[in-house]
Amino acid sequence: MQWMLILGLIFALITAVFAVINVNPVQVNLYFNVVQVPLILLIIGCALLGGLIVGFYGIYRQYRLQREIKLLKAELAQAPVAGTPLTTSSVDNDPLKPMYTDNDTTATSFSNRK
């Protein structure tokens, strides 16, 4: 986590130095209007806007992951514990029936084969 802070500070320093060097006014076309702004404001404004977008995405992603963790913990709490016998359902309590009877002609025995 510390290396992210160090990289962020280095990036901020490089951006600030680059912005201070470029103080000349530039034209910005806003589709409906053309304005003159100092390049330093444009550089810093774009860097801040990019940081806000990344920050909001990180917050959204963290919220989504926390919600998924909460759902998985709830699912894990409902899962059976290892080593406990599983309960059988009462839907199919009939004993197993043979697939064919002695009268059934579909199954032939080996002794009747030629």
PDB file of N, CA and C in Angstrom:
ATOM      1  N   MET A   1       0.825  -1.191   0.000  1.00  0.00           N
ATOM      2  CA  MET A   1       0.000   0.000   0.000  1.00  0.00           C
ATOM      3  C   MET A   1       0.869   1.256   0.000  1.00  0.00           C
ATOM      4  N   GLN A   2       2.049   1.166   0.626  1.00  0.00           N
ATOM      5  CA  GLN A   2       2.923   2.337   0.678  1.00  0.00           C
ATOM      6  C   GLN A   2       3.474   2.679  -0.695  1.00  0.00           C
ATOM      7  N   TRP A   3       3.735   1.681  -1.523  1.00  0.00           N
ATOM      8  CA  TRP A   3       4.271   1.963  -2.846  1.00  0.00           C
ATOM      9  C   TRP A   3       3.247   2.686  -3.709  1.00  0.00           C
ATOM     10  N   MET A   4       1.943   2.435  -3.478  1.00  0.00           N
ATOM     11  CA  MET A   4       0.900   3.163  -4.213  1.00  0.00           C
ATOM     12  C   MET A   4       0.920   4.641  -3.828  1.00  0.00           C
ATOM     13  N   LEU A   5       1.120   4.925  -2.554  1.00  0.00           N
ATOM     14  CA  LEU A   5       1.192   6.310  -2.090  1.00  0.00           C
ATOM     15  C   LEU A   5       2.418   7.004  -2.674  1.00  0.00           C
ATOM     16  N   ILE A   6       3.541   6.304  -2.676  1.00  0.00           N
ATOM     17  CA  ILE A   6       4.770   6.888  -3.225  1.00  0.00           C
ATOM     18  C   ILE A   6       4.614   7.154  -4.723  1.00  0.00           C
ATOM     19  N   LEU A   7       4.053   6.200  -5.461  1.00  0.00           N
ATOM     20  CA  LEU A   7       3.829   6.404  -6.895  1.00  0.00           C
ATOM     21  C   LEU A   7       2.850   7.548  -7.149  1.00  0.00           C
ATOM     22  N   GLY A   8       1.827   7.656  -6.321  1.00  0.00           N
ATOM     23  CA  GLY A   8       0.869   8.754  -6.456  1.00  0.00           C
ATOM     24  C   GLY A   8       1.514  10.104  -6.221  1.00  0.00           C
ATOM     25  N   LEU A   9       2.379  10.184  -5.215  1.00  0.00           N
ATOM     26  CA  LEU A   9       3.074  11.444  -4.939  1.00  0.00           C
ATOM     27  C   LEU A   9       4.051  11.801  -6.061  1.00  0.00           C
ATOM     28  N   ILE A  10       4.741  10.812  -6.593  1.00  0.00           N
ATOM     29  CA  ILE A  10       5.658  11.071  -7.713  1.00  0.00           C
ATOM     30  C   ILE A  10       4.876  11.562  -8.929  1.00  0.00           C
ATOM     31  N   PHE A  11       3.749  10.928  -9.220  1.00  0.00           N
ATOM     32  CA  PHE A  11       2.920  11.360 -10.343  1.00  0.00           C
ATOM     33  C   PHE A  11       2.401  12.780 -10.123  1.00  0.00           C
ATOM     34  N   ALA A  12       1.982  13.092  -8.907  1.00  0.00           N
ATOM     35  CA  ALA A  12       1.496  14.444  -8.610  1.00  0.00           C
ATOM     36  C   ALA A  12       2.615  15.471  -8.774  1.00  0.00           C
ATOM     37  N   LEU A  13       3.822  15.134  -8.353  1.00  0.00           N
ATOM     38  CA  LEU A  13       4.956  16.050  -8.491  1.00  0.00           C
ATOM     39  C   LEU A  13       5.288  16.289  -9.965  1.00  0.00           C
ATOM     40  N   ILE A  14       5.324  15.224 -10.757  1.00  0.00           N
ATOM     41  CA  ILE A  14       5.613  15.368 -12.187  1.00  0.00           C
ATOM     42  C   ILE A  14       4.528  16.198 -12.868  1.00  0.00           C
ATOM     43  N   THR A  15       3.266  15.951 -12.519  1.00  0.00           N
ATOM     44  CA  THR A  15       2.160  16.718 -13.100  1.00  0.00           C
ATOM     45  C   THR A  15       2.256  18.186 -12.716  1.00  0.00           C
ATOM     46  N   ALA A  16       2.580  18.469 -11.457  1.00  0.00           N
ATOM     47  CA  ALA A  16       2.688  19.862 -11.010  1.00  0.00           C
ATOM     48  C   ALA A  16       3.835  20.583 -11.717  1.00  0.00           C
ATOM     49  N   VAL A  17       4.982  19.921 -11.843  1.00  0.00           N
ATOM     50  CA  VAL A  17       6.121  20.542 -12.533  1.00  0.00           C
ATOM     51  C   VAL A  17       5.773  20.783 -13.996  1.00  0.00           C
ATOM     52  N   PHE A  18       5.162  19.816 -14.645  1.00  0.00           N
ATOM     53  CA  PHE A  18       4.765  19.963 -16.044  1.00  0.00           C
ATOM     54  C   PHE A  18       3.750  21.093 -16.208  1.00  0.00           C
ATOM     55  N   ALA A  19       2.839  21.222 -15.264  1.00  0.00           N
ATOM     56  CA  ALA A  19       1.823  22.276 -15.346  1.00  0.00           C
ATOM     57  C   ALA A  19       2.438  23.651 -15.137  1.00  0.00           C
ATOM     58  N   VAL A  20       3.378  23.780 -14.203  1.00  0.00           N
ATOM     59  CA  VAL A  20       4.003  25.079 -13.931  1.00  0.00           C
ATOM     60  C   VAL A  20       4.837  25.531 -15.125  1.00  0.00           C
ATOM     61  N   ILE A  21       5.461  24.607 -15.819  1.00  0.00           N
ATOM     62  CA  ILE A  21       6.263  24.957 -16.995  1.00  0.00           C
ATOM     63  C   ILE A  21       5.367  25.488 -18.119  1.00  0.00           C
ATOM     64  N   ASN A  22       4.153  24.948 -18.240  1.00  0.00           N
ATOM     65  CA  ASN A  22       3.235  25.308 -19.324  1.00  0.00           C
ATOM     66  C   ASN A  22       2.143  26.244 -18.807  1.00  0.00           C
ATOM     67  N   VAL A  23       2.437  27.532 -18.732  1.00  0.00           N
ATOM     68  CA  VAL A  23       1.465  28.505 -18.220  1.00  0.00           C
ATOM     69  C   VAL A  23       0.831  29.328 -19.335  1.00  0.00           C
ATOM     70  N   ASN A  24       1.171  29.085 -20.571  1.00  0.00           N
ATOM     71  CA  ASN A  24       0.629  29.861 -21.687  1.00  0.00           C
ATOM     72  C   ASN A  24      -0.874  29.602 -21.843  1.00  0.00           C
ATOM     73  N   PRO A  25      -1.634  30.600 -22.268  1.00  0.00           N
ATOM     74  CA  PRO A  25      -3.072  30.383 -22.491  1.00  0.00           C
ATOM     75  C   PRO A  25      -3.305  29.570 -23.770  1.00  0.00           C
ATOM     76  N   VAL A  26      -4.317  28.722 -23.725  1.00  0.00           N
ATOM     77  CA  VAL A  26      -4.690  27.912 -24.881  1.00  0.00           C
ATOM     78  C   VAL A  26      -6.190  28.050 -25.124  1.00  0.00           C
ATOM     79  N   GLN A  27      -6.607  27.802 -26.371  1.00  0.00           N
ATOM     80  CA  GLN A  27      -8.027  27.833 -26.698  1.00  0.00           C
ATOM     81  C   GLN A  27      -8.614  26.442 -26.484  1.00  0.00           C
ATOM     82  N   VAL A  28      -9.749  26.407 -25.815  1.00  0.00           N
ATOM     83  CA  VAL A  28     -10.460  25.154 -25.589  1.00  0.00           C
ATOM     84  C   VAL A  28     -11.820  25.280 -26.259  1.00  0.00           C
ATOM     85  N   ASN A  29     -12.102  24.379 -27.193  1.00  0.00           N
ATOM     86  CA  ASN A  29     -13.375  24.376 -27.899  1.00  0.00           C
ATOM     87  C   ASN A  29     -14.358  23.509 -27.125  1.00  0.00           C
ATOM     88  N   LEU A  30     -15.408  24.130 -26.590  1.00  0.00           N
ATOM     89  CA  LEU A  30     -16.417  23.422 -25.807  1.00  0.00           C
ATOM     90  C   LEU A  30     -17.658  23.113 -26.640  1.00  0.00           C
ATOM     91  N   TYR A  31     -17.536  23.023 -27.932  1.00  0.00           N
ATOM     92  CA  TYR A  31     -18.575  22.724 -28.905  1.00  0.00           C
ATOM     93  C   TYR A  31     -19.531  23.897 -29.117  1.00  0.00           C
ATOM     94  N   PHE A  32     -19.955  24.549 -28.067  1.00  0.00           N
ATOM     95  CA  PHE A  32     -20.848  25.690 -28.213  1.00  0.00           C
ATOM     96  C   PHE A  32     -20.135  27.011 -27.938  1.00  0.00           C
ATOM     97  N   ASN A  33     -18.917  26.944 -27.444  1.00  0.00           N
ATOM     98  CA  ASN A  33     -18.173  28.148 -27.085  1.00  0.00           C
ATOM     99  C   ASN A  33     -16.673  27.839 -27.124  1.00  0.00           C
ATOM    100  N   VAL A  34     -15.880  28.849 -27.388  1.00  0.00           N
ATOM    101  CA  VAL A  34     -14.422  28.723 -27.357  1.00  0.00           C
ATOM    102  C   VAL A  34     -13.923  29.634 -26.249  1.00  0.00           C
ATOM    103  N   VAL A  35     -13.140  29.057 -25.312  1.00  0.00           N
ATOM    104  CA  VAL A  35     -12.626  29.843 -24.182  1.00  0.00           C
ATOM    105  C   VAL A  35     -11.108  29.771 -24.163  1.00  0.00           C
ATOM    106  N   GLN A  36     -10.499  30.794 -23.593  1.00  0.00           N
ATOM    107  CA  GLN A  36      -9.045  30.839 -23.380  1.00  0.00           C
ATOM    108  C   GLN A  36      -8.786  30.539 -21.905  1.00  0.00           C
ATOM    109  N   VAL A  37      -8.019  29.492 -21.646  1.00  0.00           N
ATOM    110  CA  VAL A  37      -7.647  29.154 -20.268  1.00  0.00           C
ATOM    111  C   VAL A  37      -6.145  28.908 -20.220  1.00  0.00           C
ATOM    112  N   PRO A  38      -5.537  29.197 -19.079  1.00  0.00           N
ATOM    113  CA  PRO A  38      -4.113  28.858 -18.943  1.00  0.00           C
ATOM    114  C   PRO A  38      -3.935  27.333 -18.979  1.00  0.00           C
ATOM    115  N   LEU A  39      -2.895  26.894 -19.623  1.00  0.00           N
ATOM    116  CA  LEU A  39      -2.644  25.460 -19.761  1.00  0.00           C
ATOM    117  C   LEU A  39      -2.455  24.790 -18.403  1.00  0.00           C
ATOM    118  N   ILE A  40      -1.935  25.523 -17.428  1.00  0.00           N
ATOM    119  CA  ILE A  40      -1.747  24.969 -16.084  1.00  0.00           C
ATOM    120  C   ILE A  40      -3.084  24.543 -15.484  1.00  0.00           C
ATOM    121  N   LEU A  41      -4.128  25.362 -15.680  1.00  0.00           N
ATOM    122  CA  LEU A  41      -5.450  25.006 -15.150  1.00  0.00           C
ATOM    123  C   LEU A  41      -6.032  23.807 -15.893  1.00  0.00           C
ATOM    124  N   LEU A  42      -5.801  23.753 -17.183  1.00  0.00           N
ATOM    125  CA  LEU A  42      -6.311  22.638 -17.975  1.00  0.00           C
ATOM    126  C   LEU A  42      -5.646  21.320 -17.556  1.00  0.00           C
ATOM    127  N   ILE A  43      -4.340  21.350 -17.360  1.00  0.00           N
ATOM    128  CA  ILE A  43      -3.612  20.134 -16.962  1.00  0.00           C
ATOM    129  C   ILE A  43      -4.053  19.674 -15.580  1.00  0.00           C
ATOM    130  N   ILE A  44      -4.083  20.592 -14.624  1.00  0.00           N
ATOM    131  CA  ILE A  44      -4.470  20.224 -13.253  1.00  0.00           C
ATOM    132  C   ILE A  44      -5.933  19.797 -13.204  1.00  0.00           C
ATOM    133  N   GLY A  45      -6.791  20.495 -13.944  1.00  0.00           N
ATOM    134  CA  GLY A  45      -8.212  20.124 -13.974  1.00  0.00           C
ATOM    135  C   GLY A  45      -8.434  18.733 -14.543  1.00  0.00           C
ATOM    136  N   CYS A  46      -7.740  18.410 -15.624  1.00  0.00           N
ATOM    137  CA  CYS A  46      -7.880  17.074 -16.221  1.00  0.00           C
ATOM    138  C   CYS A  46      -7.326  15.989 -15.294  1.00  0.00           C
ATOM    139  N   ALA A  47      -6.226  16.274 -14.624  1.00  0.00           N
ATOM    140  CA  ALA A  47      -5.661  15.300 -13.679  1.00  0.00           C
ATOM    141  C   ALA A  47      -6.623  15.067 -12.512  1.00  0.00           C
ATOM    142  N   LEU A  48      -7.228  16.137 -12.005  1.00  0.00           N
ATOM    143  CA  LEU A  48      -8.195  15.989 -10.906  1.00  0.00           C
ATOM    144  C   LEU A  48      -9.440  15.231 -11.363  1.00  0.00           C
ATOM    145  N   LEU A  49      -9.913  15.534 -12.561  1.00  0.00           N
ATOM    146  CA  LEU A  49     -11.085  14.830 -13.081  1.00  0.00           C
ATOM    147  C   LEU A  49     -10.792  13.337 -13.250  1.00  0.00           C
ATOM    148  N   GLY A  50      -9.619  13.014 -13.762  1.00  0.00           N
ATOM    149  CA  GLY A  50      -9.231  11.608 -13.886  1.00  0.00           C
ATOM    150  C   GLY A  50      -9.127  10.924 -12.530  1.00  0.00           C
ATOM    151  N   GLY A  51      -8.578  11.643 -11.549  1.00  0.00           N
ATOM    152  CA  GLY A  51      -8.490  11.086 -10.199  1.00  0.00           C
ATOM    153  C   GLY A  51      -9.856  10.841  -9.585  1.00  0.00           C
ATOM    154  N   LEU A  52     -10.794  11.754  -9.819  1.00  0.00           N
ATOM    155  CA  LEU A  52     -12.152  11.569  -9.300  1.00  0.00           C
ATOM    156  C   LEU A  52     -12.836  10.367  -9.946  1.00  0.00           C
ATOM    157  N   ILE A  53     -12.660  10.224 -11.246  1.00  0.00           N
ATOM    158  CA  ILE A  53     -13.275   9.083 -11.935  1.00  0.00           C
ATOM    159  C   ILE A  53     -12.719   7.765 -11.396  1.00  0.00           C
ATOM    160  N   VAL A  54     -11.407   7.687 -11.256  1.00  0.00           N
ATOM    161  CA  VAL A  54     -10.784   6.468 -10.729  1.00  0.00           C
ATOM    162  C   VAL A  54     -11.213   6.231  -9.277  1.00  0.00           C
ATOM    163  N   GLY A  55     -11.293   7.298  -8.481  1.00  0.00           N
ATOM    164  CA  GLY A  55     -11.711   7.166  -7.086  1.00  0.00           C
ATOM    165  C   GLY A  55     -13.139   6.664  -6.952  1.00  0.00           C
ATOM    166  N   PHE A  56     -14.055   7.223  -7.737  1.00  0.00           N
ATOM    167  CA  PHE A  56     -15.447   6.775  -7.676  1.00  0.00           C
ATOM    168  C   PHE A  56     -15.588   5.337  -8.160  1.00  0.00           C
ATOM    169  N   TYR A  57     -14.833   4.963  -9.174  1.00  0.00           N
ATOM    170  CA  TYR A  57     -14.873   3.579  -9.626  1.00  0.00           C
ATOM    171  C   TYR A  57     -14.342   2.641  -8.533  1.00  0.00           C
ATOM    172  N   GLY A  58     -13.283   3.047  -7.847  1.00  0.00           N
ATOM    173  CA  GLY A  58     -12.738   2.233  -6.760  1.00  0.00           C
ATOM    174  C   GLY A  58     -13.731   2.063  -5.624  1.00  0.00           C
ATOM    175  N   ILE A  59     -14.448   3.136  -5.287  1.00  0.00           N
ATOM    176  CA  ILE A  59     -15.461   3.055  -4.229  1.00  0.00           C
ATOM    177  C   ILE A  59     -16.586   2.118  -4.649  1.00  0.00           C
ATOM    178  N   TYR A  60     -17.041   2.245  -5.904  1.00  0.00           N
ATOM    179  CA  TYR A  60     -18.104   1.369  -6.411  1.00  0.00           C
ATOM    180  C   TYR A  60     -17.658  -0.093  -6.394  1.00  0.00           C
ATOM    181  N   ARG A  61     -16.439  -0.338  -6.832  1.00  0.00           N
ATOM    182  CA  ARG A  61     -15.920  -1.706  -6.871  1.00  0.00           C
ATOM    183  C   ARG A  61     -15.806  -2.289  -5.462  1.00  0.00           C
ATOM    184  N   GLN A  62     -15.340  -1.483  -4.520  1.00  0.00           N
ATOM    185  CA  GLN A  62     -15.216  -1.931  -3.135  1.00  0.00           C
ATOM    186  C   GLN A  62     -16.590  -2.264  -2.550  1.00  0.00           C
ATOM    187  N   TYR A  63     -17.587  -1.425  -2.827  1.00  0.00           N
ATOM    188  CA  TYR A  63     -18.947  -1.675  -2.346  1.00  0.00           C
ATOM    189  C   TYR A  63     -19.488  -2.981  -2.926  1.00  0.00           C
ATOM    190  N   ARG A  64     -19.279  -3.188  -4.232  1.00  0.00           N
ATOM    191  CA  ARG A  64     -19.770  -4.397  -4.887  1.00  0.00           C
ATOM    192  C   ARG A  64     -19.099  -5.643  -4.309  1.00  0.00           C
ATOM    193  N   LEU A  65     -17.797  -5.579  -4.058  1.00  0.00           N
ATOM    194  CA  LEU A  65     -17.087  -6.729  -3.494  1.00  0.00           C
ATOM    195  C   LEU A  65     -17.527  -7.007  -2.059  1.00  0.00           C
ATOM    196  N   GLN A  66     -17.758  -5.964  -1.273  1.00  0.00           N
ATOM    197  CA  GLN A  66     -18.235  -6.157   0.099  1.00  0.00           C
ATOM    198  C   GLN A  66     -19.610  -6.819   0.103  1.00  0.00           C
ATOM    199  N   ARG A  67     -20.474  -6.403  -0.834  1.00  0.00           N
ATOM    200  CA  ARG A  67     -21.805  -7.005  -0.926  1.00  0.00           C
ATOM    201  C   ARG A  67     -21.695  -8.474  -1.324  1.00  0.00           C
ATOM    202  N   GLU A  68     -20.791  -8.799  -2.248  1.00  0.00           N
ATOM    203  CA  GLU A  68     -20.601 -10.184  -2.655  1.00  0.00           C
ATOM    204  C   GLU A  68     -20.058 -11.021  -1.500  1.00  0.00           C
ATOM    205  N   ILE A  69     -19.137 -10.462  -0.722  1.00  0.00           N
ATOM    206  CA  ILE A  69     -18.605 -11.175   0.445  1.00  0.00           C
ATOM    207  C   ILE A  69     -19.718 -11.454   1.444  1.00  0.00           C
ATOM    208  N   LYS A  70     -20.589 -10.477   1.654  1.00  0.00           N
ATOM    209  CA  LYS A  70     -21.699 -10.640   2.595  1.00  0.00           C
ATOM    210  C   LYS A  70     -22.636 -11.758   2.131  1.00  0.00           C
ATOM    211  N   LEU A  71     -22.952 -11.794   0.835  1.00  0.00           N
ATOM    212  CA  LEU A  71     -23.822 -12.846   0.307  1.00  0.00           C
ATOM    213  C   LEU A  71     -23.163 -14.220   0.402  1.00  0.00           C
ATOM    214  N   LEU A  72     -21.864 -14.294   0.130  1.00  0.00           N
ATOM    215  CA  LEU A  72     -21.168 -15.579   0.220  1.00  0.00           C
ATOM    216  C   LEU A  72     -21.060 -16.069   1.658  1.00  0.00           C
ATOM    217  N   LYS A  73     -20.885 -15.148   2.614  1.00  0.00           N
ATOM    218  CA  LYS A  73     -20.859 -15.547   4.027  1.00  0.00           C
ATOM    219  C   LYS A  73     -22.216 -16.077   4.461  1.00  0.00           C
ATOM    220  N   ALA A  74     -23.298 -15.450   3.985  1.00  0.00           N
ATOM    221  CA  ALA A  74     -24.637 -15.934   4.313  1.00  0.00           C
ATOM    222  C   ALA A  74     -24.868 -17.314   3.703  1.00  0.00           C
ATOM    223  N   GLU A  75     -24.391 -17.527   2.489  1.00  0.00           N
ATOM    224  CA  GLU A  75     -24.525 -18.825   1.841  1.00  0.00           C
ATOM    225  C   GLU A  75     -23.693 -19.876   2.568  1.00  0.00           C
ATOM    226  N   LEU A  76     -22.523 -19.499   3.026  1.00  0.00           N
ATOM    227  CA  LEU A  76     -21.661 -20.426   3.758  1.00  0.00           C
ATOM    228  C   LEU A  76     -22.276 -20.797   5.103  1.00  0.00           C
ATOM    229  N   ALA A  77     -22.954 -19.854   5.740  1.00  0.00           N
ATOM    230  CA  ALA A  77     -23.586 -20.142   7.025  1.00  0.00           C
ATOM    231  C   ALA A  77     -24.723 -21.141   6.867  1.00  0.00           C
ATOM    232  N   GLN A  78     -25.354 -21.180   5.719  1.00  0.00           N
ATOM    233  CA  GLN A  78     -26.455 -22.108   5.486  1.00  0.00           C
ATOM    234  C   GLN A  78     -25.975 -23.459   4.971  1.00  0.00           C
ATOM    235  N   ALA A  79     -24.722 -23.570   4.584  1.00  0.00           N
ATOM    236  CA  ALA A  79     -24.183 -24.819   4.048  1.00  0.00           C
ATOM    237  C   ALA A  79     -24.029 -25.833   5.175  1.00  0.00           C
ATOM    238  N   PRO A  80     -24.190 -27.125   4.866  1.00  0.00           N
ATOM    239  CA  PRO A  80     -24.018 -28.138   5.908  1.00  0.00           C
ATOM    240  C   PRO A  80     -22.556 -28.235   6.339  1.00  0.00           C
ATOM    241  N   VAL A  81     -22.368 -28.596   7.595  1.00  0.00           N
ATOM    242  CA  VAL A  81     -21.030 -28.724   8.158  1.00  0.00           C
ATOM    243  C   VAL A  81     -20.450 -30.066   7.724  1.00  0.00           C
ATOM    244  N   ALA A  82     -19.178 -30.109   7.429  1.00  0.00           N
ATOM    245  CA  ALA A  82     -18.524 -31.345   7.001  1.00  0.00           C
ATOM    246  C   ALA A  82     -18.584 -32.370   8.118  1.00  0.00           C
ATOM    247  N   GLY A  83     -18.891 -33.604   7.778  1.00  0.00           N
ATOM    248  CA  GLY A  83     -18.939 -34.678   8.761  1.00  0.00           C
ATOM    249  C   GLY A  83     -20.336 -34.951   9.271  1.00  0.00           C
ATOM    250  N   THR A  84     -21.280 -34.066   9.051  1.00  0.00           N
ATOM    251  CA  THR A  84     -22.644 -34.321   9.499  1.00  0.00           C
ATOM    252  C   THR A  84     -23.374 -35.076   8.396  1.00  0.00           C
ATOM    253  N   PRO A  85     -24.213 -36.034   8.790  1.00  0.00           N
ATOM    254  CA  PRO A  85     -24.927 -36.798   7.762  1.00  0.00           C
ATOM    255  C   PRO A  85     -25.955 -35.922   7.047  1.00  0.00           C
ATOM    256  N   LEU A  86     -26.100 -36.183   5.782  1.00  0.00           N
ATOM    257  CA  LEU A  86     -27.088 -35.451   5.005  1.00  0.00           C
ATOM    258  C   LEU A  86     -28.459 -36.042   5.263  1.00  0.00           C
ATOM    259  N   THR A  87     -29.467 -35.228   5.311  1.00  0.00           N
ATOM    260  CA  THR A  87     -30.831 -35.718   5.500  1.00  0.00           C
ATOM    261  C   THR A  87     -31.398 -36.088   4.143  1.00  0.00           C
ATOM    262  N   THR A  88     -32.229 -37.132   4.146  1.00  0.00           N
ATOM    263  CA  THR A  88     -32.849 -37.542   2.891  1.00  0.00           C
ATOM    264  C   THR A  88     -34.178 -36.840   2.746  1.00  0.00           C
ATOM    265  N   SER A  89     -34.581 -36.644   1.538  1.00  0.00           N
ATOM    266  CA  SER A  89     -35.863 -35.986   1.314  1.00  0.00           C
ATOM    267  C   SER A  89     -36.969 -37.017   1.440  1.00  0.00           C
ATOM    268  N   SER A  90     -38.147 -36.557   1.786  1.00  0.00           N
ATOM    269  CA  SER A  90     -39.286 -37.449   1.960  1.00  0.00           C
ATOM    270  C   SER A  90     -40.067 -37.615   0.669  1.00  0.00           C
ATOM    271  N   VAL A  91     -39.548 -37.156  -0.420  1.00  0.00           N
ATOM    272  CA  VAL A  91     -40.259 -37.239  -1.695  1.00  0.00           C
ATOM    273  C   VAL A  91     -40.259 -38.663  -2.220  1.00  0.00           C
ATOM    274  N   ASP A  92     -39.137 -39.343  -2.152  1.00  0.00           N
ATOM    275  CA  ASP A  92     -39.013 -40.666  -2.753  1.00  0.00           C
ATOM    276  C   ASP A  92     -38.648 -41.682  -1.678  1.00  0.00           C
ATOM    277  N   ASN A  93     -39.633 -42.076  -0.861  1.00  0.00           N
ATOM    278  CA  ASN A  93     -39.380 -43.039   0.207  1.00  0.00           C
ATOM    279  C   ASN A  93     -39.758 -44.458  -0.198  1.00  0.00           C
ATOM    280  N   ASP A  94     -40.175 -44.667  -1.455  1.00  0.00           N
ATOM    281  CA  ASP A  94     -40.528 -46.007  -1.908  1.00  0.00           C
ATOM    282  C   ASP A  94     -39.261 -46.848  -2.019  1.00  0.00           C
ATOM    283  N   PRO A  95     -39.373 -48.147  -1.660  1.00  0.00           N
ATOM    284  CA  PRO A  95     -38.195 -49.004  -1.841  1.00  0.00           C
ATOM    285  C   PRO A  95     -37.903 -49.168  -3.327  1.00  0.00           C
ATOM    286  N   LEU A  96     -36.696 -49.551  -3.608  1.00  0.00           N
ATOM    287  CA  LEU A  96     -36.305 -49.740  -5.001  1.00  0.00           C
ATOM    288  C   LEU A  96     -37.081 -50.890  -5.617  1.00  0.00           C
ATOM    289  N   LYS A  97     -37.555 -50.681  -6.819  1.00  0.00           N
ATOM    290  CA  LYS A  97     -38.306 -51.712  -7.530  1.00  0.00           C
ATOM    291  C   LYS A  97     -37.394 -52.291  -8.606  1.00  0.00           C
ATOM    292  N   PRO A  98     -37.543 -53.569  -8.901  1.00  0.00           N
ATOM    293  CA  PRO A  98     -36.715 -54.143  -9.961  1.00  0.00           C
ATOM    294  C   PRO A  98     -37.057 -53.513 -11.306  1.00  0.00           C
ATOM    295  N   MET A  99     -36.069 -53.445 -12.174  1.00  0.00           N
ATOM    296  CA  MET A  99     -36.288 -52.839 -13.476  1.00  0.00           C
ATOM    297  C   MET A  99     -37.150 -53.731 -14.369  1.00  0.00           C
ATOM    298  N   TYR A 100     -37.114 -55.026 -14.147  1.00  0.00           N
ATOM    299  CA  TYR A 100     -37.954 -55.942 -14.918  1.00  0.00           C
ATOM    300  C   TYR A 100     -38.327 -57.102 -14.016  1.00  0.00           C
ATOM    301  N   THR A 101     -39.379 -57.768 -14.373  1.00  0.00           N
ATOM    302  CA  THR A 101     -39.845 -58.924 -13.600  1.00  0.00           C
ATOM    303  C   THR A 101     -39.530 -60.198 -14.377  1.00  0.00           C
ATOM    304  N   ASP A 102     -39.876 -61.333 -13.776  1.00  0.00           N
ATOM    305  CA  ASP A 102     -39.638 -62.616 -14.439  1.00  0.00           C
ATOM    306  C   ASP A 102     -40.504 -62.756 -15.686  1.00  0.00           C
ATOM    307  N   ASN A 103     -41.640 -62.103 -15.705  1.00  0.00           N
ATOM    308  CA  ASN A 103     -42.561 -62.204 -16.839  1.00  0.00           C
ATOM    309  C   ASN A 103     -42.147 -61.286 -17.981  1.00  0.00           C
ATOM    310  N   ASP A 104     -41.259 -60.412 -17.730  1.00  0.00           N
ATOM    311  CA  ASP A 104     -40.875 -59.414 -18.736  1.00  0.00           C
ATOM    312  C   ASP A 104     -40.052 -60.084 -19.830  1.00  0.00           C
ATOM    313  N   THR A 105     -40.430 -59.862 -21.073  1.00  0.00           N
ATOM    314  CA  THR A 105     -39.733 -60.488 -22.193  1.00  0.00           C
ATOM    315  C   THR A 105     -38.650 -59.594 -22.774  1.00  0.00           C
ATOM    316  N   THR A 106     -38.569 -58.382 -22.290  1.00  0.00           N
ATOM    317  CA  THR A 106     -37.567 -57.481 -22.849  1.00  0.00           C
ATOM    318  C   THR A 106     -36.173 -57.837 -22.379  1.00  0.00           C
ATOM    319  N   ALA A 107     -36.070 -58.442 -21.209  1.00  0.00           N
ATOM    320  CA  ALA A 107     -34.755 -58.811 -20.700  1.00  0.00           C
ATOM    321  C   ALA A 107     -34.597 -60.314 -20.852  1.00  0.00           C
ATOM    322  N   THR A 108     -33.593 -60.728 -21.545  1.00  0.00           N
ATOM    323  CA  THR A 108     -33.341 -62.157 -21.733  1.00  0.00           C
ATOM    324  C   THR A 108     -32.171 -62.562 -20.865  1.00  0.00           C
ATOM    325  N   SER A 109     -32.227 -63.733 -20.381  1.00  0.00           N
ATOM    326  CA  SER A 109     -31.130 -64.215 -19.556  1.00  0.00           C
ATOM    327  C   SER A 109     -30.038 -64.786 -20.447  1.00  0.00           C
ATOM    328  N   PHE A 110     -28.882 -64.985 -19.881  1.00  0.00           N
ATOM    329  CA  PHE A 110     -27.761 -65.515 -20.652  1.00  0.00           C
ATOM    330  C   PHE A 110     -27.986 -66.977 -21.030  1.00  0.00           C
ATOM    331  N   SER A 111     -28.749 -67.676 -20.236  1.00  0.00           N
ATOM    332  CA  SER A 111     -28.969 -69.091 -20.532  1.00  0.00           C
ATOM    333  C   SER A 111     -29.869 -69.278 -21.752  1.00  0.00           C
ATOM    334  N   ASN A 112     -30.707 -68.307 -22.072  1.00  0.00           N
ATOM    335  CA  ASN A 112     -31.604 -68.422 -23.225  1.00  0.00           C
ATOM    336  C   ASN A 112     -30.935 -67.996 -24.524  1.00  0.00           C
ATOM    337  N   ARG A 113     -29.779 -67.486 -24.463  1.00  0.00           N
ATOM    338  CA  ARG A 113     -29.074 -67.033 -25.666  1.00  0.00           C
ATOM    339  C   ARG A 113     -28.524 -68.209 -26.440  1.00  0.00           C
ATOM    340  N   LYS A 114     -28.459 -68.037 -27.721  1.00  0.00           N
ATOM    341  CA  LYS A 114     -27.887 -69.093 -28.558  1.00  0.00           C
ATOM    342  C   LYS A 114     -26.491 -68.754 -28.951  1.00  0.00           C
TER     343      LYS A 114
END
